[in-house]
Amino acid sequence: MSDVFSLFEEDVANPDAFNKVSKEGSSKLSNLIRQSVDLDKQVKDAEQYLKDLQYKKRTIDEEDIPSLMEEIGVESLTVDGNKVSIEKYVSARIPEDRKSEAFGFIRSIGEGDIIKNEVVVGFGMGQDNVAGAVVDDLRNQGLSPAQKTHIHPMTLRTWAKNRIEKNQEIDFDMFGIYVGNRAKIKGAK
């Protein structure tokens, strides 16, 4: 441990101990702290820059290119060796406040097998023996304990897309569904 940190090991620092801290050491420490703070800011700025780039790309791929290709009546074309076409896509995400209703609907139409059901039990400090006993009891019954009810995002998207394509009943709001077009760009080989 460095001298600076050892000054604070006791409940009350000895004022004489600060005499051992050199100006050079404290200056280096101050510079390192400033560098760390500056790097934190740079990381946050870089993360925001990446988010902005991703948003711009999504806007171009999902709005600008499909709109313009539709406007000029082109289904596909090649630009600089890149083949561009438009594909439909579906995104779905069940809002938390509609989860029970959505799962009820899925079960009512006989497609509840896409719902995953996991069980999780939390135990407090000092309850290791109780937790072990519960796990052992469940395992002796042939079960693997842990519960969480959810649908994998890709499964939900595929399920929603299939229902839409088959013109089957589906509540877009309940399942957070968005249908759009996206430019698919394949580079030259």
N, C-alpha and C. Protein backbone atom coordinates (compact mmCIF):
# COMPACT_ATOMS: atom_id res chain seq x y z
N MET A 1 0.86 -1.18 0.00
CA MET A 1 0.00 0.00 0.00
C MET A 1 0.90 1.23 0.00
N SER A 2 0.52 2.27 -0.75
CA SER A 2 1.34 3.47 -0.83
C SER A 2 1.25 4.27 0.45
N ASP A 3 2.19 5.19 0.64
CA ASP A 3 2.21 6.02 1.84
C ASP A 3 0.94 6.85 1.97
N VAL A 4 0.41 7.35 0.85
CA VAL A 4 -0.77 8.20 0.90
C VAL A 4 -1.96 7.43 1.46
N PHE A 5 -2.16 6.20 0.99
CA PHE A 5 -3.29 5.42 1.46
C PHE A 5 -3.11 4.95 2.89
N SER A 6 -1.87 4.67 3.26
CA SER A 6 -1.63 4.21 4.63
C SER A 6 -1.93 5.31 5.64
N LEU A 7 -1.95 6.56 5.21
CA LEU A 7 -2.27 7.66 6.11
C LEU A 7 -3.70 7.54 6.63
N PHE A 8 -4.56 6.87 5.86
CA PHE A 8 -5.97 6.81 6.21
C PHE A 8 -6.38 5.46 6.79
N GLU A 9 -5.42 4.57 7.07
CA GLU A 9 -5.74 3.26 7.60
C GLU A 9 -6.33 3.34 9.00
N GLU A 10 -5.89 4.27 9.78
CA GLU A 10 -6.43 4.42 11.12
C GLU A 10 -7.70 5.26 11.04
N ASP A 11 -8.52 5.17 12.09
CA ASP A 11 -9.77 5.94 12.09
C ASP A 11 -9.50 7.43 11.99
N VAL A 12 -8.46 7.91 12.65
CA VAL A 12 -8.10 9.32 12.60
C VAL A 12 -6.68 9.41 12.09
N ALA A 13 -6.48 10.17 11.02
CA ALA A 13 -5.15 10.30 10.44
C ALA A 13 -4.26 11.13 11.35
N ASN A 14 -3.01 10.73 11.44
CA ASN A 14 -2.02 11.46 12.22
C ASN A 14 -1.52 12.62 11.36
N PRO A 15 -1.72 13.86 11.80
CA PRO A 15 -1.31 15.02 10.98
C PRO A 15 0.18 15.00 10.64
N ASP A 16 1.00 14.44 11.49
CA ASP A 16 2.44 14.39 11.21
C ASP A 16 2.76 13.47 10.04
N ALA A 17 1.87 12.51 9.78
CA ALA A 17 2.12 11.57 8.69
C ALA A 17 2.11 12.27 7.33
N PHE A 18 1.37 13.39 7.23
CA PHE A 18 1.32 14.11 5.95
C PHE A 18 2.66 14.75 5.60
N ASN A 19 3.52 14.89 6.57
CA ASN A 19 4.85 15.46 6.31
C ASN A 19 5.67 14.53 5.44
N LYS A 20 5.32 13.23 5.43
CA LYS A 20 6.07 12.25 4.64
C LYS A 20 5.68 12.29 3.17
N VAL A 21 4.56 12.91 2.84
CA VAL A 21 4.10 12.98 1.45
C VAL A 21 4.91 14.04 0.73
N SER A 22 5.59 13.62 -0.33
CA SER A 22 6.43 14.57 -1.06
C SER A 22 5.57 15.37 -2.03
N LYS A 23 6.08 16.55 -2.40
CA LYS A 23 5.37 17.35 -3.40
C LYS A 23 5.32 16.60 -4.73
N GLU A 24 6.42 15.91 -5.05
CA GLU A 24 6.47 15.16 -6.31
C GLU A 24 5.44 14.03 -6.32
N GLY A 25 5.32 13.31 -5.23
CA GLY A 25 4.35 12.21 -5.13
C GLY A 25 2.93 12.71 -5.22
N SER A 26 2.62 13.79 -4.51
CA SER A 26 1.25 14.30 -4.54
C SER A 26 0.93 14.91 -5.90
N SER A 27 1.92 15.47 -6.56
CA SER A 27 1.72 16.03 -7.90
C SER A 27 1.42 14.90 -8.90
N LYS A 28 2.17 13.80 -8.80
CA LYS A 28 1.92 12.65 -9.68
C LYS A 28 0.52 12.09 -9.44
N LEU A 29 0.16 11.98 -8.15
CA LEU A 29 -1.16 11.46 -7.81
C LEU A 29 -2.25 12.36 -8.36
N SER A 30 -2.10 13.65 -8.19
CA SER A 30 -3.09 14.60 -8.72
C SER A 30 -3.22 14.46 -10.23
N ASN A 31 -2.10 14.32 -10.93
CA ASN A 31 -2.12 14.17 -12.39
C ASN A 31 -2.82 12.87 -12.80
N LEU A 32 -2.56 11.79 -12.07
CA LEU A 32 -3.21 10.52 -12.40
C LEU A 32 -4.72 10.61 -12.19
N ILE A 33 -5.13 11.28 -11.11
CA ILE A 33 -6.56 11.45 -10.85
C ILE A 33 -7.20 12.27 -11.96
N ARG A 34 -6.53 13.36 -12.37
CA ARG A 34 -7.05 14.18 -13.46
C ARG A 34 -7.16 13.37 -14.75
N GLN A 35 -6.13 12.53 -15.02
CA GLN A 35 -6.15 11.69 -16.22
C GLN A 35 -7.33 10.73 -16.18
N SER A 36 -7.57 10.12 -15.01
CA SER A 36 -8.68 9.19 -14.87
C SER A 36 -10.01 9.88 -15.12
N VAL A 37 -10.19 11.07 -14.54
CA VAL A 37 -11.42 11.83 -14.73
C VAL A 37 -11.58 12.20 -16.20
N ASP A 38 -10.50 12.62 -16.84
CA ASP A 38 -10.54 12.99 -18.26
C ASP A 38 -10.87 11.76 -19.13
N LEU A 39 -10.29 10.61 -18.80
CA LEU A 39 -10.58 9.39 -19.56
C LEU A 39 -12.04 8.97 -19.39
N ASP A 40 -12.59 9.14 -18.19
CA ASP A 40 -14.02 8.86 -17.99
C ASP A 40 -14.85 9.71 -18.94
N LYS A 41 -14.52 10.99 -19.06
CA LYS A 41 -15.26 11.89 -19.95
C LYS A 41 -15.09 11.45 -21.41
N GLN A 42 -13.87 11.08 -21.79
CA GLN A 42 -13.63 10.64 -23.16
C GLN A 42 -14.42 9.37 -23.49
N VAL A 43 -14.48 8.45 -22.53
CA VAL A 43 -15.24 7.22 -22.74
C VAL A 43 -16.72 7.55 -22.92
N LYS A 44 -17.27 8.41 -22.07
CA LYS A 44 -18.68 8.80 -22.20
C LYS A 44 -18.94 9.49 -23.53
N ASP A 45 -18.01 10.36 -23.94
CA ASP A 45 -18.16 11.04 -25.23
C ASP A 45 -18.11 10.05 -26.39
N ALA A 46 -17.20 9.08 -26.31
CA ALA A 46 -17.08 8.07 -27.37
C ALA A 46 -18.32 7.19 -27.44
N GLU A 47 -18.86 6.83 -26.27
CA GLU A 47 -20.09 6.03 -26.24
C GLU A 47 -21.25 6.80 -26.87
N GLN A 48 -21.35 8.10 -26.56
CA GLN A 48 -22.41 8.92 -27.14
C GLN A 48 -22.22 9.06 -28.65
N TYR A 49 -20.97 9.25 -29.08
CA TYR A 49 -20.66 9.36 -30.50
C TYR A 49 -21.07 8.07 -31.23
N LEU A 50 -20.78 6.91 -30.64
CA LEU A 50 -21.16 5.63 -31.24
C LEU A 50 -22.69 5.51 -31.32
N LYS A 51 -23.40 5.90 -30.26
CA LYS A 51 -24.86 5.87 -30.27
C LYS A 51 -25.40 6.76 -31.39
N ASP A 52 -24.79 7.94 -31.56
CA ASP A 52 -25.24 8.85 -32.60
C ASP A 52 -25.01 8.25 -33.99
N LEU A 53 -23.85 7.60 -34.19
CA LEU A 53 -23.56 6.96 -35.48
C LEU A 53 -24.55 5.84 -35.76
N GLN A 54 -24.84 5.03 -34.74
CA GLN A 54 -25.78 3.93 -34.91
C GLN A 54 -27.17 4.46 -35.26
N TYR A 55 -27.57 5.55 -34.63
CA TYR A 55 -28.87 6.16 -34.92
C TYR A 55 -28.91 6.66 -36.36
N LYS A 56 -27.84 7.34 -36.79
CA LYS A 56 -27.78 7.84 -38.17
C LYS A 56 -27.85 6.70 -39.18
N LYS A 57 -27.11 5.63 -38.92
CA LYS A 57 -27.11 4.49 -39.84
C LYS A 57 -28.50 3.85 -39.88
N ARG A 58 -29.12 3.67 -38.73
CA ARG A 58 -30.47 3.07 -38.67
C ARG A 58 -31.46 3.94 -39.45
N THR A 59 -31.34 5.27 -39.31
CA THR A 59 -32.23 6.18 -40.02
C THR A 59 -32.05 6.05 -41.53
N ILE A 60 -30.82 5.98 -41.97
CA ILE A 60 -30.54 5.84 -43.41
C ILE A 60 -31.04 4.49 -43.92
N ASP A 61 -30.72 3.41 -43.18
CA ASP A 61 -31.08 2.07 -43.61
C ASP A 61 -32.58 1.79 -43.53
N GLU A 62 -33.26 2.36 -42.53
CA GLU A 62 -34.66 2.01 -42.30
C GLU A 62 -35.65 3.06 -42.79
N GLU A 63 -35.17 4.26 -43.09
CA GLU A 63 -36.08 5.30 -43.55
C GLU A 63 -35.67 5.88 -44.90
N ASP A 64 -34.47 6.45 -44.95
CA ASP A 64 -34.06 7.19 -46.13
C ASP A 64 -33.94 6.33 -47.39
N ILE A 65 -33.15 5.26 -47.32
CA ILE A 65 -32.96 4.41 -48.51
C ILE A 65 -34.27 3.76 -48.94
N PRO A 66 -35.02 3.09 -48.02
CA PRO A 66 -36.29 2.48 -48.47
C PRO A 66 -37.26 3.49 -49.07
N SER A 67 -37.37 4.67 -48.47
CA SER A 67 -38.30 5.69 -48.99
C SER A 67 -37.90 6.13 -50.39
N LEU A 68 -36.62 6.42 -50.57
CA LEU A 68 -36.16 6.90 -51.88
C LEU A 68 -36.27 5.80 -52.94
N MET A 69 -35.93 4.56 -52.58
CA MET A 69 -36.05 3.47 -53.56
C MET A 69 -37.51 3.27 -53.96
N GLU A 70 -38.42 3.39 -53.00
CA GLU A 70 -39.84 3.26 -53.32
C GLU A 70 -40.29 4.43 -54.19
N GLU A 71 -39.83 5.62 -53.86
CA GLU A 71 -40.20 6.82 -54.61
C GLU A 71 -39.78 6.73 -56.07
N ILE A 72 -38.58 6.20 -56.31
CA ILE A 72 -38.10 6.13 -57.70
C ILE A 72 -38.45 4.79 -58.36
N GLY A 73 -39.11 3.91 -57.60
CA GLY A 73 -39.60 2.65 -58.18
C GLY A 73 -38.54 1.61 -58.41
N VAL A 74 -37.57 1.55 -57.53
CA VAL A 74 -36.48 0.58 -57.68
C VAL A 74 -36.57 -0.43 -56.54
N GLU A 75 -36.53 -1.73 -56.89
CA GLU A 75 -36.57 -2.77 -55.86
C GLU A 75 -35.18 -3.18 -55.41
N SER A 76 -34.21 -3.11 -56.32
CA SER A 76 -32.83 -3.40 -55.98
C SER A 76 -31.91 -2.74 -57.00
N LEU A 77 -30.69 -2.52 -56.61
CA LEU A 77 -29.71 -1.93 -57.52
C LEU A 77 -28.32 -2.20 -56.96
N THR A 78 -27.32 -1.91 -57.78
CA THR A 78 -25.94 -2.10 -57.35
C THR A 78 -25.23 -0.75 -57.42
N VAL A 79 -24.59 -0.39 -56.32
CA VAL A 79 -23.85 0.86 -56.24
C VAL A 79 -22.44 0.56 -55.75
N ASP A 80 -21.45 0.92 -56.55
CA ASP A 80 -20.05 0.68 -56.19
C ASP A 80 -19.79 -0.77 -55.81
N GLY A 81 -20.43 -1.69 -56.52
CA GLY A 81 -20.25 -3.11 -56.25
C GLY A 81 -21.08 -3.64 -55.08
N ASN A 82 -21.87 -2.78 -54.45
CA ASN A 82 -22.72 -3.18 -53.33
C ASN A 82 -24.15 -3.36 -53.82
N LYS A 83 -24.69 -4.59 -53.66
CA LYS A 83 -26.06 -4.86 -54.07
C LYS A 83 -26.99 -4.42 -52.94
N VAL A 84 -27.94 -3.55 -53.29
CA VAL A 84 -28.86 -2.99 -52.31
C VAL A 84 -30.27 -3.46 -52.64
N SER A 85 -30.95 -4.00 -51.63
CA SER A 85 -32.34 -4.40 -51.77
C SER A 85 -33.07 -4.01 -50.49
N ILE A 86 -34.37 -4.06 -50.55
CA ILE A 86 -35.18 -3.69 -49.38
C ILE A 86 -35.84 -4.96 -48.85
N GLU A 87 -35.75 -5.15 -47.54
CA GLU A 87 -36.42 -6.28 -46.91
C GLU A 87 -37.32 -5.77 -45.79
N LYS A 88 -38.42 -6.47 -45.61
CA LYS A 88 -39.32 -6.12 -44.51
C LYS A 88 -38.74 -6.71 -43.23
N TYR A 89 -38.95 -6.02 -42.12
CA TYR A 89 -38.53 -6.57 -40.85
C TYR A 89 -39.60 -6.29 -39.81
N VAL A 90 -39.58 -7.11 -38.78
CA VAL A 90 -40.52 -6.97 -37.68
C VAL A 90 -39.72 -6.92 -36.39
N SER A 91 -40.04 -5.96 -35.56
CA SER A 91 -39.46 -5.95 -34.21
C SER A 91 -40.61 -6.07 -33.23
N ALA A 92 -40.37 -6.73 -32.11
CA ALA A 92 -41.41 -6.91 -31.10
C ALA A 92 -40.77 -6.92 -29.72
N ARG A 93 -41.45 -6.29 -28.79
CA ARG A 93 -40.98 -6.27 -27.40
C ARG A 93 -42.21 -6.01 -26.54
N ILE A 94 -42.53 -6.97 -25.70
CA ILE A 94 -43.73 -6.87 -24.88
C ILE A 94 -43.48 -5.85 -23.76
N PRO A 95 -44.31 -4.80 -23.70
CA PRO A 95 -44.17 -3.85 -22.60
C PRO A 95 -44.41 -4.56 -21.26
N GLU A 96 -43.63 -4.22 -20.26
CA GLU A 96 -43.71 -4.89 -18.96
C GLU A 96 -45.13 -4.88 -18.40
N ASP A 97 -45.85 -3.78 -18.56
CA ASP A 97 -47.20 -3.68 -18.00
C ASP A 97 -48.25 -4.49 -18.78
N ARG A 98 -47.86 -5.07 -19.92
CA ARG A 98 -48.80 -5.88 -20.71
C ARG A 98 -48.34 -7.34 -20.79
N LYS A 99 -47.30 -7.67 -20.05
CA LYS A 99 -46.71 -9.01 -20.11
C LYS A 99 -47.73 -10.10 -19.77
N SER A 100 -48.45 -9.94 -18.68
CA SER A 100 -49.42 -10.94 -18.25
C SER A 100 -50.51 -11.13 -19.30
N GLU A 101 -51.00 -10.04 -19.82
CA GLU A 101 -52.03 -10.08 -20.86
C GLU A 101 -51.51 -10.76 -22.13
N ALA A 102 -50.30 -10.42 -22.52
CA ALA A 102 -49.71 -11.00 -23.74
C ALA A 102 -49.49 -12.50 -23.57
N PHE A 103 -48.98 -12.91 -22.41
CA PHE A 103 -48.76 -14.34 -22.17
C PHE A 103 -50.10 -15.08 -22.15
N GLY A 104 -51.12 -14.43 -21.58
CA GLY A 104 -52.46 -15.04 -21.56
C GLY A 104 -52.97 -15.26 -22.98
N PHE A 105 -52.79 -14.28 -23.84
CA PHE A 105 -53.22 -14.42 -25.23
C PHE A 105 -52.48 -15.57 -25.91
N ILE A 106 -51.17 -15.60 -25.73
CA ILE A 106 -50.36 -16.65 -26.38
C ILE A 106 -50.80 -18.04 -25.91
N ARG A 107 -51.06 -18.17 -24.61
CA ARG A 107 -51.52 -19.46 -24.08
C ARG A 107 -52.92 -19.79 -24.61
N SER A 108 -53.78 -18.77 -24.76
CA SER A 108 -55.16 -19.01 -25.21
C SER A 108 -55.24 -19.50 -26.65
N ILE A 109 -54.23 -19.19 -27.44
CA ILE A 109 -54.24 -19.65 -28.84
C ILE A 109 -53.41 -20.92 -29.02
N GLY A 110 -53.00 -21.50 -27.88
CA GLY A 110 -52.29 -22.78 -27.93
C GLY A 110 -50.83 -22.69 -28.32
N GLU A 111 -50.23 -21.52 -28.16
CA GLU A 111 -48.82 -21.36 -28.54
C GLU A 111 -47.94 -21.02 -27.33
N GLY A 112 -48.39 -21.44 -26.14
CA GLY A 112 -47.66 -21.15 -24.91
C GLY A 112 -46.30 -21.80 -24.81
N ASP A 113 -46.01 -22.72 -25.73
CA ASP A 113 -44.70 -23.38 -25.67
C ASP A 113 -43.55 -22.42 -25.98
N ILE A 114 -43.82 -21.23 -26.50
CA ILE A 114 -42.73 -20.27 -26.73
C ILE A 114 -42.38 -19.50 -25.45
N ILE A 115 -43.20 -19.65 -24.41
CA ILE A 115 -42.95 -18.95 -23.15
C ILE A 115 -42.02 -19.81 -22.29
N LYS A 116 -40.93 -19.22 -21.87
CA LYS A 116 -40.00 -19.91 -20.98
C LYS A 116 -40.40 -19.58 -19.55
N ASN A 117 -40.31 -20.58 -18.68
CA ASN A 117 -40.71 -20.41 -17.29
C ASN A 117 -39.57 -20.87 -16.40
N GLU A 118 -38.93 -19.94 -15.72
CA GLU A 118 -37.81 -20.24 -14.84
C GLU A 118 -38.18 -19.85 -13.42
N VAL A 119 -37.69 -20.61 -12.42
CA VAL A 119 -37.98 -20.33 -11.01
C VAL A 119 -36.68 -19.95 -10.31
N VAL A 120 -36.70 -18.84 -9.57
CA VAL A 120 -35.53 -18.38 -8.82
C VAL A 120 -35.99 -18.09 -7.39
N VAL A 121 -35.25 -18.57 -6.42
CA VAL A 121 -35.56 -18.31 -5.02
C VAL A 121 -34.36 -17.62 -4.38
N GLY A 122 -34.61 -16.47 -3.76
CA GLY A 122 -33.53 -15.75 -3.09
C GLY A 122 -33.51 -16.06 -1.60
N PHE A 123 -32.33 -16.19 -1.05
CA PHE A 123 -32.17 -16.45 0.38
C PHE A 123 -31.27 -15.38 0.96
N GLY A 124 -31.51 -15.03 2.21
CA GLY A 124 -30.72 -14.01 2.87
C GLY A 124 -29.41 -14.57 3.40
N MET A 125 -28.64 -13.67 3.98
CA MET A 125 -27.36 -14.07 4.57
C MET A 125 -27.62 -15.08 5.67
N GLY A 126 -26.77 -16.06 5.76
CA GLY A 126 -26.89 -17.06 6.80
C GLY A 126 -27.90 -18.15 6.49
N GLN A 127 -28.47 -18.14 5.32
CA GLN A 127 -29.46 -19.15 4.95
C GLN A 127 -28.91 -20.15 3.93
N ASP A 128 -27.61 -20.32 3.93
CA ASP A 128 -26.98 -21.25 2.98
C ASP A 128 -27.51 -22.66 3.14
N ASN A 129 -27.68 -23.11 4.38
CA ASN A 129 -28.17 -24.47 4.62
C ASN A 129 -29.60 -24.63 4.13
N VAL A 130 -30.45 -23.62 4.38
CA VAL A 130 -31.84 -23.68 3.91
C VAL A 130 -31.86 -23.70 2.39
N ALA A 131 -31.08 -22.84 1.76
CA ALA A 131 -31.02 -22.79 0.30
C ALA A 131 -30.57 -24.12 -0.27
N GLY A 132 -29.55 -24.69 0.33
CA GLY A 132 -29.05 -25.99 -0.13
C GLY A 132 -30.10 -27.07 -0.02
N ALA A 133 -30.87 -27.04 1.09
CA ALA A 133 -31.92 -28.04 1.30
C ALA A 133 -33.03 -27.89 0.26
N VAL A 134 -33.43 -26.65 -0.02
CA VAL A 134 -34.48 -26.42 -1.02
C VAL A 134 -34.02 -26.89 -2.40
N VAL A 135 -32.80 -26.56 -2.77
CA VAL A 135 -32.25 -26.98 -4.06
C VAL A 135 -32.20 -28.50 -4.13
N ASP A 136 -31.73 -29.12 -3.06
CA ASP A 136 -31.67 -30.59 -3.04
C ASP A 136 -33.06 -31.20 -3.18
N ASP A 137 -34.07 -30.66 -2.45
CA ASP A 137 -35.44 -31.17 -2.55
C ASP A 137 -35.96 -31.06 -3.98
N LEU A 138 -35.75 -29.91 -4.60
CA LEU A 138 -36.24 -29.72 -5.97
C LEU A 138 -35.52 -30.65 -6.95
N ARG A 139 -34.25 -30.81 -6.76
CA ARG A 139 -33.48 -31.70 -7.65
C ARG A 139 -33.91 -33.15 -7.46
N ASN A 140 -34.21 -33.53 -6.21
CA ASN A 140 -34.68 -34.90 -5.95
C ASN A 140 -36.02 -35.16 -6.64
N GLN A 141 -36.75 -34.10 -6.93
CA GLN A 141 -38.02 -34.23 -7.65
C GLN A 141 -37.81 -34.17 -9.16
N GLY A 142 -36.54 -34.10 -9.57
CA GLY A 142 -36.22 -34.07 -10.99
C GLY A 142 -36.33 -32.68 -11.60
N LEU A 143 -36.29 -31.65 -10.77
CA LEU A 143 -36.43 -30.28 -11.24
C LEU A 143 -35.11 -29.53 -11.14
N SER A 144 -34.99 -28.47 -11.95
CA SER A 144 -33.85 -27.57 -11.87
C SER A 144 -34.39 -26.21 -11.44
N PRO A 145 -34.24 -25.85 -10.16
CA PRO A 145 -34.86 -24.63 -9.63
C PRO A 145 -34.36 -23.33 -10.24
N ALA A 146 -35.27 -22.38 -10.40
CA ALA A 146 -35.09 -21.00 -10.87
C ALA A 146 -36.31 -20.66 -11.70
N GLN A 147 -37.03 -19.54 -11.46
CA GLN A 147 -38.21 -19.21 -12.27
C GLN A 147 -38.17 -17.79 -12.77
N LYS A 148 -38.37 -17.67 -14.04
CA LYS A 148 -38.50 -16.39 -14.71
C LYS A 148 -39.33 -16.68 -15.94
N THR A 149 -40.40 -15.96 -16.12
CA THR A 149 -41.26 -16.18 -17.28
C THR A 149 -40.91 -15.13 -18.33
N HIS A 150 -40.50 -15.58 -19.48
CA HIS A 150 -40.14 -14.66 -20.56
C HIS A 150 -40.16 -15.38 -21.89
N ILE A 151 -40.08 -14.61 -22.94
CA ILE A 151 -39.95 -15.14 -24.29
C ILE A 151 -38.66 -14.55 -24.85
N HIS A 152 -37.83 -15.41 -25.37
CA HIS A 152 -36.58 -14.93 -25.96
C HIS A 152 -36.90 -13.92 -27.06
N PRO A 153 -36.19 -12.80 -27.12
CA PRO A 153 -36.49 -11.75 -28.11
C PRO A 153 -36.58 -12.24 -29.56
N MET A 154 -35.67 -13.13 -29.96
CA MET A 154 -35.71 -13.62 -31.35
C MET A 154 -36.93 -14.52 -31.57
N THR A 155 -37.29 -15.29 -30.55
CA THR A 155 -38.48 -16.14 -30.65
C THR A 155 -39.73 -15.27 -30.80
N LEU A 156 -39.82 -14.23 -29.98
CA LEU A 156 -40.96 -13.32 -30.05
C LEU A 156 -41.04 -12.65 -31.42
N ARG A 157 -39.90 -12.17 -31.92
CA ARG A 157 -39.88 -11.51 -33.23
C ARG A 157 -40.35 -12.47 -34.32
N THR A 158 -39.81 -13.69 -34.31
CA THR A 158 -40.19 -14.68 -35.33
C THR A 158 -41.66 -15.04 -35.22
N TRP A 159 -42.14 -15.24 -33.99
CA TRP A 159 -43.55 -15.57 -33.76
C TRP A 159 -44.45 -14.46 -34.31
N ALA A 160 -44.12 -13.20 -33.96
CA ALA A 160 -44.92 -12.06 -34.42
C ALA A 160 -44.89 -11.95 -35.94
N LYS A 161 -43.72 -12.11 -36.52
CA LYS A 161 -43.57 -12.02 -37.98
C LYS A 161 -44.41 -13.09 -38.67
N ASN A 162 -44.39 -14.31 -38.14
CA ASN A 162 -45.18 -15.39 -38.73
C ASN A 162 -46.68 -15.10 -38.65
N ARG A 163 -47.14 -14.59 -37.53
CA ARG A 163 -48.57 -14.28 -37.38
C ARG A 163 -48.98 -13.17 -38.35
N ILE A 164 -48.12 -12.18 -38.50
CA ILE A 164 -48.42 -11.07 -39.43
C ILE A 164 -48.48 -11.59 -40.87
N GLU A 165 -47.48 -12.41 -41.23
CA GLU A 165 -47.44 -12.94 -42.60
C GLU A 165 -48.64 -13.83 -42.91
N LYS A 166 -49.18 -14.51 -41.89
CA LYS A 166 -50.34 -15.40 -42.08
C LYS A 166 -51.66 -14.68 -41.84
N ASN A 167 -51.58 -13.34 -41.64
CA ASN A 167 -52.77 -12.53 -41.36
C ASN A 167 -53.58 -13.06 -40.17
N GLN A 168 -52.87 -13.52 -39.14
CA GLN A 168 -53.51 -14.01 -37.93
C GLN A 168 -53.62 -12.88 -36.92
N GLU A 169 -54.57 -13.02 -36.00
CA GLU A 169 -54.82 -11.99 -34.98
C GLU A 169 -53.55 -11.73 -34.15
N ILE A 170 -53.25 -10.44 -33.99
CA ILE A 170 -52.14 -10.04 -33.11
C ILE A 170 -52.31 -8.56 -32.77
N ASP A 171 -52.13 -8.23 -31.52
CA ASP A 171 -52.26 -6.86 -31.03
C ASP A 171 -50.88 -6.20 -31.07
N PHE A 172 -50.69 -5.27 -31.99
CA PHE A 172 -49.40 -4.63 -32.17
C PHE A 172 -48.94 -3.90 -30.90
N ASP A 173 -49.86 -3.25 -30.20
CA ASP A 173 -49.50 -2.52 -28.98
C ASP A 173 -49.10 -3.48 -27.87
N MET A 174 -49.88 -4.54 -27.69
CA MET A 174 -49.61 -5.49 -26.62
C MET A 174 -48.24 -6.14 -26.78
N PHE A 175 -47.85 -6.39 -28.02
CA PHE A 175 -46.58 -7.06 -28.28
C PHE A 175 -45.49 -6.09 -28.72
N GLY A 176 -45.75 -4.81 -28.66
CA GLY A 176 -44.75 -3.81 -29.02
C GLY A 176 -44.20 -4.02 -30.42
N ILE A 177 -45.07 -4.28 -31.36
CA ILE A 177 -44.65 -4.64 -32.71
C ILE A 177 -44.47 -3.41 -33.59
N TYR A 178 -43.39 -3.43 -34.34
CA TYR A 178 -43.14 -2.42 -35.36
C TYR A 178 -42.74 -3.16 -36.62
N VAL A 179 -43.38 -2.83 -37.72
CA VAL A 179 -43.06 -3.42 -39.02
C VAL A 179 -42.50 -2.33 -39.89
N GLY A 180 -41.37 -2.58 -40.50
CA GLY A 180 -40.76 -1.58 -41.36
C GLY A 180 -39.96 -2.20 -42.48
N ASN A 181 -39.32 -1.35 -43.24
CA ASN A 181 -38.44 -1.78 -44.31
C ASN A 181 -37.02 -1.40 -43.94
N ARG A 182 -36.11 -2.20 -44.41
CA ARG A 182 -34.70 -1.95 -44.11
C ARG A 182 -33.88 -2.23 -45.36
N ALA A 183 -32.92 -1.37 -45.62
CA ALA A 183 -32.02 -1.59 -46.75
C ALA A 183 -31.06 -2.71 -46.37
N LYS A 184 -30.96 -3.67 -47.27
CA LYS A 184 -30.01 -4.76 -47.09
C LYS A 184 -28.90 -4.54 -48.11
N ILE A 185 -27.71 -4.31 -47.61
CA ILE A 185 -26.59 -3.99 -48.50
C ILE A 185 -25.55 -5.11 -48.40
N LYS A 186 -25.31 -5.75 -49.55
CA LYS A 186 -24.32 -6.81 -49.63
C LYS A 186 -23.13 -6.29 -50.41
N GLY A 187 -21.96 -6.38 -49.80
CA GLY A 187 -20.76 -5.90 -50.46
C GLY A 187 -20.33 -6.79 -51.60
N ALA A 188 -19.54 -6.21 -52.51
CA ALA A 188 -19.03 -6.96 -53.64
C ALA A 188 -18.07 -8.03 -53.17
N LYS A 189 -18.10 -9.16 -53.86
CA LYS A 189 -17.22 -10.27 -53.46
C LYS A 189 -15.95 -10.29 -54.24
